[in-house]
Amino acid sequence: MTTNSVVLYTHLTQNPSPAPVKGKTFGVRPAPSTRRYISVAQKFWISQTGALVWVSLSVILSLPWLRDLSEVIGFVSAILVITFIAYVPGYLVAFLAVSLLVDRQPPFKVSDPDLPITILIAARNEASNIGMTLQYIANQNYRGPISVVLVDNGSTDGTADVALAKARELKLNLLCLREESPGKNFALC
């Protein structure tokens, strides 16, 4: 055994947790995940299969209902009524339920982000409401810097002035732009 391997062997036998040794990190491999990754296509087909099984069971269970209803309104009408009252909604709910059971969301990669964000607000004649909107933004529980860009979309009630005054009061970073053409599509381009 070389000196490096003796140091590593001694370290690993005395302390089984991985630790850096002479500029390198040695240690035990992490345990493989017990959960198997299911691709989106596989999740889709699992959900489709579950929904079709549910609809098949629904069809079998609804045969007495179909028979009774077809005596009153006719066979084709009974099939249409039952299809749109029971089969289609049942299929949709079953597909949604199975897809939610199969699709487990991974944990957030960053649990408490602090990257700077910018909030874009298109407003036209919102002087009475813009202060409350800015108050809600200022009350956010976000550690990173928040900037607000207000696009005043041809307001005639002083929306931008009210927003600037409220932003100064709340110590918000606010930039006001003016767009004369009415419509959010113009304000946000």
C-alpha atoms as a PDB file:
ATOM      1  CA  MET A   1       0.000   0.000   0.000  1.00  0.00           C
ATOM      2  CA  THR A   2       1.167   3.488  -0.813  1.00  0.00           C
ATOM      3  CA  THR A   3       1.070   6.310   1.711  1.00  0.00           C
ATOM      4  CA  ASN A   4      -1.959   7.953   0.040  1.00  0.00           C
ATOM      5  CA  SER A   5      -3.972   4.726   0.061  1.00  0.00           C
ATOM      6  CA  VAL A   6      -3.083   4.102   3.744  1.00  0.00           C
ATOM      7  CA  VAL A   7      -4.286   7.614   4.625  1.00  0.00           C
ATOM      8  CA  LEU A   8      -7.484   7.074   2.622  1.00  0.00           C
ATOM      9  CA  TYR A   9      -8.054   3.573   4.061  1.00  0.00           C
ATOM     10  CA  THR A  10      -7.477   4.823   7.602  1.00  0.00           C
ATOM     11  CA  HIS A  11      -9.749   7.797   7.033  1.00  0.00           C
ATOM     12  CA  LEU A  12     -12.575   5.703   5.570  1.00  0.00           C
ATOM     13  CA  THR A  13     -12.424   3.034   8.270  1.00  0.00           C
ATOM     14  CA  GLN A  14     -12.432   5.582  11.073  1.00  0.00           C
ATOM     15  CA  ASN A  15     -14.927   7.982   9.462  1.00  0.00           C
ATOM     16  CA  PRO A  16     -17.255   6.404   6.902  1.00  0.00           C
ATOM     17  CA  SER A  17     -18.608   9.742   5.681  1.00  0.00           C
ATOM     18  CA  PRO A  18     -16.918  11.163   2.583  1.00  0.00           C
ATOM     19  CA  ALA A  19     -14.336  13.865   3.186  1.00  0.00           C
ATOM     20  CA  PRO A  20     -11.690  15.626   1.133  1.00  0.00           C
ATOM     21  CA  VAL A  21      -8.202  14.161   1.236  1.00  0.00           C
ATOM     22  CA  LYS A  22      -5.220  16.056  -0.236  1.00  0.00           C
ATOM     23  CA  GLY A  23      -7.295  18.154  -2.626  1.00  0.00           C
ATOM     24  CA  LYS A  24      -9.501  15.278  -3.804  1.00  0.00           C
ATOM     25  CA  THR A  25     -12.892  14.183  -2.622  1.00  0.00           C
ATOM     26  CA  PHE A  26     -13.216  10.497  -1.857  1.00  0.00           C
ATOM     27  CA  GLY A  27     -16.169   8.745  -0.407  1.00  0.00           C
ATOM     28  CA  VAL A  28     -18.921   6.279  -0.772  1.00  0.00           C
ATOM     29  CA  ARG A  29     -21.268   6.608  -3.722  1.00  0.00           C
ATOM     30  CA  PRO A  30     -24.636   8.058  -2.846  1.00  0.00           C
ATOM     31  CA  ALA A  31     -27.367   5.500  -2.510  1.00  0.00           C
ATOM     32  CA  PRO A  32     -29.306   5.076  -5.735  1.00  0.00           C
ATOM     33  CA  SER A  33     -32.711   6.699  -5.784  1.00  0.00           C
ATOM     34  CA  THR A  34     -35.504   4.346  -4.869  1.00  0.00           C
ATOM     35  CA  ARG A  35     -37.840   6.178  -7.221  1.00  0.00           C
ATOM     36  CA  ARG A  36     -37.652   5.300 -10.890  1.00  0.00           C
ATOM     37  CA  TYR A  37     -37.940   8.183 -13.337  1.00  0.00           C
ATOM     38  CA  ILE A  38     -40.993   7.972 -15.548  1.00  0.00           C
ATOM     39  CA  SER A  39     -40.817   9.952 -18.778  1.00  0.00           C
ATOM     40  CA  VAL A  40     -43.626  12.265 -19.814  1.00  0.00           C
ATOM     41  CA  ALA A  41     -44.694   9.915 -22.612  1.00  0.00           C
ATOM     42  CA  GLN A  42     -44.856   6.998 -20.166  1.00  0.00           C
ATOM     43  CA  LYS A  43     -46.892   9.097 -17.710  1.00  0.00           C
ATOM     44  CA  PHE A  44     -49.279   9.974 -20.520  1.00  0.00           C
ATOM     45  CA  TRP A  45     -49.813   6.350 -21.556  1.00  0.00           C
ATOM     46  CA  ILE A  46     -50.191   5.188 -17.954  1.00  0.00           C
ATOM     47  CA  SER A  47     -52.837   7.879 -17.464  1.00  0.00           C
ATOM     48  CA  GLN A  48     -54.553   6.924 -20.738  1.00  0.00           C
ATOM     49  CA  THR A  49     -54.642   3.270 -19.704  1.00  0.00           C
ATOM     50  CA  GLY A  50     -56.028   4.088 -16.264  1.00  0.00           C
ATOM     51  CA  ALA A  51     -58.727   6.317 -17.770  1.00  0.00           C
ATOM     52  CA  LEU A  52     -59.710   3.711 -20.355  1.00  0.00           C
ATOM     53  CA  VAL A  53     -59.945   1.021 -17.675  1.00  0.00           C
ATOM     54  CA  TRP A  54     -62.197   3.349 -15.659  1.00  0.00           C
ATOM     55  CA  VAL A  55     -64.424   4.060 -18.684  1.00  0.00           C
ATOM     56  CA  SER A  56     -64.613   0.340 -19.481  1.00  0.00           C
ATOM     57  CA  LEU A  57     -65.769  -0.360 -15.940  1.00  0.00           C
ATOM     58  CA  SER A  58     -68.252   2.515 -16.233  1.00  0.00           C
ATOM     59  CA  VAL A  59     -69.681   1.072 -19.451  1.00  0.00           C
ATOM     60  CA  ILE A  60     -70.149  -2.347 -17.857  1.00  0.00           C
ATOM     61  CA  LEU A  61     -71.813  -0.857 -14.783  1.00  0.00           C
ATOM     62  CA  SER A  62     -74.084   1.406 -16.862  1.00  0.00           C
ATOM     63  CA  LEU A  63     -75.576  -1.342 -19.065  1.00  0.00           C
ATOM     64  CA  PRO A  64     -78.781  -1.602 -16.963  1.00  0.00           C
ATOM     65  CA  TRP A  65     -79.131   2.193 -17.123  1.00  0.00           C
ATOM     66  CA  LEU A  66     -78.581   2.103 -20.892  1.00  0.00           C
ATOM     67  CA  ARG A  67     -81.220  -0.591 -21.312  1.00  0.00           C
ATOM     68  CA  ASP A  68     -83.816   1.297 -19.237  1.00  0.00           C
ATOM     69  CA  LEU A  69     -83.099   4.656 -20.863  1.00  0.00           C
ATOM     70  CA  SER A  70     -83.147   3.225 -24.401  1.00  0.00           C
ATOM     71  CA  GLU A  71     -86.728   2.024 -23.825  1.00  0.00           C
ATOM     72  CA  VAL A  72     -87.761   5.622 -23.125  1.00  0.00           C
ATOM     73  CA  ILE A  73     -85.730   7.722 -25.613  1.00  0.00           C
ATOM     74  CA  GLY A  74     -84.273   5.170 -28.053  1.00  0.00           C
ATOM     75  CA  PHE A  75     -80.934   3.356 -28.167  1.00  0.00           C
ATOM     76  CA  VAL A  76     -78.847   5.979 -30.029  1.00  0.00           C
ATOM     77  CA  SER A  77     -80.164   8.833 -27.899  1.00  0.00           C
ATOM     78  CA  ALA A  78     -79.534   6.814 -24.728  1.00  0.00           C
ATOM     79  CA  ILE A  79     -75.939   6.171 -25.765  1.00  0.00           C
ATOM     80  CA  LEU A  80     -75.383   9.883 -26.496  1.00  0.00           C
ATOM     81  CA  VAL A  81     -76.922  10.974 -23.191  1.00  0.00           C
ATOM     82  CA  ILE A  82     -74.956   8.472 -21.110  1.00  0.00           C
ATOM     83  CA  THR A  83     -71.754   9.178 -23.015  1.00  0.00           C
ATOM     84  CA  PHE A  84     -71.859  12.899 -22.298  1.00  0.00           C
ATOM     85  CA  ILE A  85     -73.232  12.581 -18.769  1.00  0.00           C
ATOM     86  CA  ALA A  86     -71.024   9.750 -17.522  1.00  0.00           C
ATOM     87  CA  TYR A  87     -68.386   8.373 -19.886  1.00  0.00           C
ATOM     88  CA  VAL A  88     -66.670  11.559 -21.093  1.00  0.00           C
ATOM     89  CA  PRO A  89     -66.548  13.291 -17.676  1.00  0.00           C
ATOM     90  CA  GLY A  90     -65.508  10.005 -16.066  1.00  0.00           C
ATOM     91  CA  TYR A  91     -62.698   9.599 -18.581  1.00  0.00           C
ATOM     92  CA  LEU A  92     -61.463  13.157 -18.007  1.00  0.00           C
ATOM     93  CA  VAL A  93     -61.548  12.873 -14.221  1.00  0.00           C
ATOM     94  CA  ALA A  94     -59.873   9.454 -14.280  1.00  0.00           C
ATOM     95  CA  PHE A  95     -57.144  10.715 -16.623  1.00  0.00           C
ATOM     96  CA  LEU A  96     -56.532  13.709 -14.368  1.00  0.00           C
ATOM     97  CA  ALA A  97     -56.509  11.603 -11.191  1.00  0.00           C
ATOM     98  CA  VAL A  98     -54.079   9.014 -12.560  1.00  0.00           C
ATOM     99  CA  SER A  99     -51.800  11.676 -14.035  1.00  0.00           C
ATOM    100  CA  LEU A 100     -51.663  13.477 -10.682  1.00  0.00           C
ATOM    101  CA  LEU A 101     -50.851  10.232  -8.892  1.00  0.00           C
ATOM    102  CA  VAL A 102     -48.092   9.332 -11.362  1.00  0.00           C
ATOM    103  CA  ASP A 103     -46.529  12.789 -11.655  1.00  0.00           C
ATOM    104  CA  ARG A 104     -44.668  13.598  -8.458  1.00  0.00           C
ATOM    105  CA  GLN A 105     -43.040  16.986  -8.733  1.00  0.00           C
ATOM    106  CA  PRO A 106     -39.362  17.165  -7.786  1.00  0.00           C
ATOM    107  CA  PRO A 107     -38.345  19.471  -4.959  1.00  0.00           C
ATOM    108  CA  PHE A 108     -37.294  22.999  -5.847  1.00  0.00           C
ATOM    109  CA  LYS A 109     -33.640  23.309  -6.806  1.00  0.00           C
ATOM    110  CA  VAL A 110     -33.488  26.611  -4.960  1.00  0.00           C
ATOM    111  CA  SER A 111     -35.807  26.733  -1.983  1.00  0.00           C
ATOM    112  CA  ASP A 112     -35.439  30.439  -1.237  1.00  0.00           C
ATOM    113  CA  PRO A 113     -34.297  32.302  -4.368  1.00  0.00           C
ATOM    114  CA  ASP A 114     -32.829  35.765  -4.149  1.00  0.00           C
ATOM    115  CA  LEU A 115     -32.292  36.624  -7.816  1.00  0.00           C
ATOM    116  CA  PRO A 116     -33.397  40.082  -8.892  1.00  0.00           C
ATOM    117  CA  ILE A 117     -36.849  40.169 -10.505  1.00  0.00           C
ATOM    118  CA  THR A 118     -38.745  42.766 -12.492  1.00  0.00           C
ATOM    119  CA  ILE A 119     -42.526  43.028 -12.438  1.00  0.00           C
ATOM    120  CA  LEU A 120     -44.179  44.537 -15.497  1.00  0.00           C
ATOM    121  CA  ILE A 121     -47.531  46.303 -14.993  1.00  0.00           C
ATOM    122  CA  ALA A 122     -49.653  47.618 -17.857  1.00  0.00           C
ATOM    123  CA  ALA A 123     -52.146  50.166 -16.518  1.00  0.00           C
ATOM    124  CA  ARG A 124     -54.706  52.504 -18.022  1.00  0.00           C
ATOM    125  CA  ASN A 125     -56.669  54.831 -15.712  1.00  0.00           C
ATOM    126  CA  GLU A 126     -55.799  52.796 -12.611  1.00  0.00           C
ATOM    127  CA  ALA A 127     -54.981  55.669 -10.257  1.00  0.00           C
ATOM    128  CA  SER A 128     -57.455  54.364  -7.684  1.00  0.00           C
ATOM    129  CA  ASN A 129     -55.954  50.840  -7.694  1.00  0.00           C
ATOM    130  CA  ILE A 130     -52.263  51.188  -8.501  1.00  0.00           C
ATOM    131  CA  GLY A 131     -51.296  52.107  -4.938  1.00  0.00           C
ATOM    132  CA  MET A 132     -52.762  48.860  -3.581  1.00  0.00           C
ATOM    133  CA  THR A 133     -51.012  46.867  -6.317  1.00  0.00           C
ATOM    134  CA  LEU A 134     -47.670  48.403  -5.391  1.00  0.00           C
ATOM    135  CA  GLN A 135     -48.420  47.767  -1.700  1.00  0.00           C
ATOM    136  CA  TYR A 136     -48.942  44.065  -2.468  1.00  0.00           C
ATOM    137  CA  ILE A 137     -45.654  43.973  -4.353  1.00  0.00           C
ATOM    138  CA  ALA A 138     -43.820  45.664  -1.471  1.00  0.00           C
ATOM    139  CA  ASN A 139     -45.309  43.152   1.000  1.00  0.00           C
ATOM    140  CA  GLN A 140     -43.887  40.138  -0.844  1.00  0.00           C
ATOM    141  CA  ASN A 141     -41.770  37.750   1.188  1.00  0.00           C
ATOM    142  CA  TYR A 142     -38.944  37.719  -1.353  1.00  0.00           C
ATOM    143  CA  ARG A 143     -35.324  38.224  -0.346  1.00  0.00           C
ATOM    144  CA  GLY A 144     -34.018  39.424  -3.697  1.00  0.00           C
ATOM    145  CA  PRO A 145     -34.345  42.897  -5.176  1.00  0.00           C
ATOM    146  CA  ILE A 146     -37.688  43.669  -6.841  1.00  0.00           C
ATOM    147  CA  SER A 147     -37.999  46.240  -9.619  1.00  0.00           C
ATOM    148  CA  VAL A 148     -41.307  47.413 -11.064  1.00  0.00           C
ATOM    149  CA  VAL A 149     -41.870  48.746 -14.566  1.00  0.00           C
ATOM    150  CA  LEU A 150     -45.211  50.510 -14.970  1.00  0.00           C
ATOM    151  CA  VAL A 151     -46.366  51.065 -18.536  1.00  0.00           C
ATOM    152  CA  ASP A 152     -48.915  53.867 -18.405  1.00  0.00           C
ATOM    153  CA  ASN A 153     -51.170  53.033 -21.342  1.00  0.00           C
ATOM    154  CA  GLY A 154     -52.534  56.480 -22.153  1.00  0.00           C
ATOM    155  CA  SER A 155     -54.044  57.154 -18.728  1.00  0.00           C
ATOM    156  CA  THR A 156     -55.936  60.384 -18.191  1.00  0.00           C
ATOM    157  CA  ASP A 157     -56.293  60.113 -14.404  1.00  0.00           C
ATOM    158  CA  GLY A 158     -52.652  60.508 -13.313  1.00  0.00           C
ATOM    159  CA  THR A 159     -51.891  56.813 -12.803  1.00  0.00           C
ATOM    160  CA  ALA A 160     -48.147  57.330 -13.236  1.00  0.00           C
ATOM    161  CA  ASP A 161     -48.019  60.193 -10.714  1.00  0.00           C
ATOM    162  CA  VAL A 162     -49.923  58.184  -8.100  1.00  0.00           C
ATOM    163  CA  ALA A 163     -47.651  55.188  -8.734  1.00  0.00           C
ATOM    164  CA  LEU A 164     -44.467  57.244  -8.390  1.00  0.00           C
ATOM    165  CA  ALA A 165     -45.673  58.786  -5.119  1.00  0.00           C
ATOM    166  CA  LYS A 166     -46.655  55.396  -3.686  1.00  0.00           C
ATOM    167  CA  ALA A 167     -43.357  53.833  -4.838  1.00  0.00           C
ATOM    168  CA  ARG A 168     -41.385  56.567  -3.057  1.00  0.00           C
ATOM    169  CA  GLU A 169     -43.445  55.940   0.086  1.00  0.00           C
ATOM    170  CA  LEU A 170     -42.835  52.167  -0.119  1.00  0.00           C
ATOM    171  CA  LYS A 171     -39.194  52.554  -1.232  1.00  0.00           C
ATOM    172  CA  LEU A 172     -39.859  50.512  -4.372  1.00  0.00           C
ATOM    173  CA  ASN A 173     -37.663  50.729  -7.455  1.00  0.00           C
ATOM    174  CA  LEU A 174     -40.226  51.958 -10.028  1.00  0.00           C
ATOM    175  CA  LEU A 175     -39.736  52.971 -13.642  1.00  0.00           C
ATOM    176  CA  CYS A 176     -42.704  54.555 -15.432  1.00  0.00           C
ATOM    177  CA  LEU A 177     -43.006  54.339 -19.200  1.00  0.00           C
ATOM    178  CA  ARG A 178     -45.766  55.881 -21.301  1.00  0.00           C
ATOM    179  CA  GLU A 179     -47.476  54.222 -24.272  1.00  0.00           C
ATOM    180  CA  GLU A 180     -50.169  56.294 -25.977  1.00  0.00           C
ATOM    181  CA  SER A 181     -51.704  53.507 -28.091  1.00  0.00           C
ATOM    182  CA  PRO A 182     -54.456  51.885 -26.012  1.00  0.00           C
ATOM    183  CA  GLY A 183     -54.320  48.134 -25.427  1.00  0.00           C
ATOM    184  CA  LYS A 184     -52.129  45.832 -23.368  1.00  0.00           C
ATOM    185  CA  ASN A 185     -50.612  44.423 -26.538  1.00  0.00           C
ATOM    186  CA  PHE A 186     -49.094  47.868 -27.226  1.00  0.00           C
ATOM    187  CA  ALA A 187     -48.161  48.460 -23.603  1.00  0.00           C
ATOM    188  CA  LEU A 188     -46.258  45.205 -23.274  1.00  0.00           C
ATOM    189  CA  CYS A 189     -44.424  45.158 -26.625  1.00  0.00           C
END
